[in-house]
C-alpha atoms as a PDB file:
ATOM      1  CA  MET A   1     141.524  49.151  89.498  1.00  0.00           C
ATOM      2  CA  SER A   2     139.062  46.658  88.742  1.00  0.00           C
ATOM      3  CA  ALA A   3     136.365  47.803  86.482  1.00  0.00           C
ATOM      4  CA  GLU A   4     134.069  48.241  89.426  1.00  0.00           C
ATOM      5  CA  THR A   5     135.828  50.997  90.815  1.00  0.00           C
ATOM      6  CA  ASN A   6     136.351  52.059  87.144  1.00  0.00           C
ATOM      7  CA  PRO A   7     133.752  52.167  85.165  1.00  0.00           C
ATOM      8  CA  SER A   8     133.924  51.795  81.581  1.00  0.00           C
ATOM      9  CA  PRO A   9     132.823  55.170  79.921  1.00  0.00           C
ATOM     10  CA  GLY A  10     129.650  53.407  78.595  1.00  0.00           C
ATOM     11  CA  SER A  11     129.259  52.189  81.750  1.00  0.00           C
ATOM     12  CA  ARG A  12     129.888  55.863  82.942  1.00  0.00           C
ATOM     13  CA  GLN A  13     127.679  56.953  80.009  1.00  0.00           C
ATOM     14  CA  ALA A  14     124.723  54.822  80.495  1.00  0.00           C
ATOM     15  CA  ALA A  15     124.132  55.737  84.353  1.00  0.00           C
ATOM     16  CA  GLU A  16     123.827  59.378  83.509  1.00  0.00           C
ATOM     17  CA  LEU A  17     121.571  58.860  80.692  1.00  0.00           C
ATOM     18  CA  TYR A  18     119.329  56.317  82.918  1.00  0.00           C
ATOM     19  CA  ALA A  19     119.360  59.542  85.968  1.00  0.00           C
ATOM     20  CA  ARG A  20     117.578  62.223  82.973  1.00  0.00           C
ATOM     21  CA  ILE A  21     115.753  59.432  81.462  1.00  0.00           C
ATOM     22  CA  SER A  22     114.644  59.339  84.979  1.00  0.00           C
ATOM     23  CA  GLN A  23     113.859  62.738  85.486  1.00  0.00           C
ATOM     24  CA  ASN A  24     110.933  62.377  83.082  1.00  0.00           C
ATOM     25  CA  SER A  25     108.406  60.514  83.421  1.00  0.00           C
ATOM     26  CA  GLU A  26     106.729  61.149  80.322  1.00  0.00           C
ATOM     27  CA  LEU A  27     109.622  60.171  78.629  1.00  0.00           C
ATOM     28  CA  THR A  28     110.319  56.802  81.227  1.00  0.00           C
ATOM     29  CA  GLN A  29     106.551  55.793  81.096  1.00  0.00           C
ATOM     30  CA  SER A  30     106.859  56.251  77.245  1.00  0.00           C
ATOM     31  CA  LEU A  31     109.960  53.744  77.055  1.00  0.00           C
ATOM     32  CA  PHE A  32     108.334  51.461  80.001  1.00  0.00           C
ATOM     33  CA  ARG A  33     105.245  50.524  77.491  1.00  0.00           C
ATOM     34  CA  GLN A  34     106.896  50.302  74.685  1.00  0.00           C
ATOM     35  CA  ALA A  35     109.532  48.017  76.353  1.00  0.00           C
ATOM     36  CA  LEU A  36     106.029  45.775  76.952  1.00  0.00           C
ATOM     37  CA  GLN A  37     105.467  45.562  73.528  1.00  0.00           C
ATOM     38  CA  ASP A  38     109.103  45.910  71.561  1.00  0.00           C
ATOM     39  CA  PRO A  39     112.021  45.263  74.062  1.00  0.00           C
ATOM     40  CA  SER A  40     114.754  45.559  71.868  1.00  0.00           C
ATOM     41  CA  GLY A  41     113.269  48.372  70.317  1.00  0.00           C
ATOM     42  CA  ALA A  42     112.999  50.665  73.508  1.00  0.00           C
ATOM     43  CA  LEU A  43     116.737  49.655  74.349  1.00  0.00           C
ATOM     44  CA  ALA A  44     117.103  50.971  70.587  1.00  0.00           C
ATOM     45  CA  ARG A  45     115.865  53.998  71.340  1.00  0.00           C
ATOM     46  CA  ILE A  46     117.495  54.646  74.513  1.00  0.00           C
ATOM     47  CA  VAL A  47     120.887  54.459  72.731  1.00  0.00           C
ATOM     48  CA  ALA A  48     119.385  56.820  69.943  1.00  0.00           C
ATOM     49  CA  ILE A  49     118.141  59.283  73.043  1.00  0.00           C
ATOM     50  CA  GLY A  50     121.933  58.817  74.301  1.00  0.00           C
ATOM     51  CA  ALA A  51     122.822  59.606  71.212  1.00  0.00           C
ATOM     52  CA  GLU A  52     120.941  62.684  70.589  1.00  0.00           C
ATOM     53  CA  GLN A  53     122.623  63.934  74.237  1.00  0.00           C
ATOM     54  CA  GLY A  54     126.069  63.733  72.716  1.00  0.00           C
ATOM     55  CA  MET A  55     126.459  59.887  74.995  1.00  0.00           C
ATOM     56  CA  THR A  56     127.872  56.791  73.201  1.00  0.00           C
ATOM     57  CA  VAL A  57     126.420  53.850  75.164  1.00  0.00           C
ATOM     58  CA  SER A  58     125.374  50.224  73.672  1.00  0.00           C
ATOM     59  CA  THR A  59     122.669  48.362  74.009  1.00  0.00           C
ATOM     60  CA  ASP A  60     124.945  46.006  76.566  1.00  0.00           C
ATOM     61  CA  ASP A  61     125.708  49.387  78.399  1.00  0.00           C
ATOM     62  CA  VAL A  62     122.363  50.106  79.070  1.00  0.00           C
ATOM     63  CA  LYS A  63     121.165  46.532  80.309  1.00  0.00           C
ATOM     64  CA  ALA A  64     124.482  46.410  82.258  1.00  0.00           C
ATOM     65  CA  HIS A  65     123.245  49.724  84.014  1.00  0.00           C
ATOM     66  CA  LEU A  66     119.511  48.545  84.502  1.00  0.00           C
ATOM     67  CA  ALA A  67     120.794  45.220  86.228  1.00  0.00           C
ATOM     68  CA  SER A  68     123.468  46.844  88.748  1.00  0.00           C
ATOM     69  CA  LEU A  69     120.514  48.625  89.960  1.00  0.00           C
ATOM     70  CA  ASP A  70     118.445  48.049  93.109  1.00  0.00           C
ATOM     71  CA  ASP A  71     115.078  48.066  91.347  1.00  0.00           C
ATOM     72  CA  GLY A  72     112.630  45.464  91.023  1.00  0.00           C
ATOM     73  CA  ALA A  73     110.414  47.341  88.621  1.00  0.00           C
ATOM     74  CA  THR A  74     113.876  48.249  86.488  1.00  0.00           C
ATOM     75  CA  LYS A  75     115.305  44.622  86.744  1.00  0.00           C
ATOM     76  CA  GLN A  76     111.871  43.158  85.666  1.00  0.00           C
ATOM     77  CA  TRP A  77     112.068  45.480  82.586  1.00  0.00           C
ATOM     78  CA  LEU A  78     115.300  44.086  81.765  1.00  0.00           C
ATOM     79  CA  LEU A  79     114.321  40.555  81.894  1.00  0.00           C
ATOM     80  CA  LYS A  80     111.602  41.259  79.402  1.00  0.00           C
ATOM     81  CA  ALA A  81     113.866  43.236  77.344  1.00  0.00           C
ATOM     82  CA  ARG A  82     116.540  40.392  77.810  1.00  0.00           C
ATOM     83  CA  GLY A  83     113.500  37.609  76.647  1.00  0.00           C
ATOM     84  CA  GLY A  84     112.614  39.707  73.025  1.00  0.00           C
ATOM     85  CA  LEU A  85     116.131  40.131  72.207  1.00  0.00           C
END
């Protein structure tokens, strides 16, 4: 099976983590504001939030998931985050 049809555990967990974070508008806004000032810190914070929830995701897992989304605002954030790394 290809990676597209069988995503890695980190990719699946990054997608689940993104969904959980997206349900909390206050957290989403806080992360967005942090990303504007400290992109790598925002990624580290997302990974830490995942760890707190028992999810093992890396910054690469998070970046890959964000890049896969068809959402202009998310893609802009990811470009900003990549520039800050």
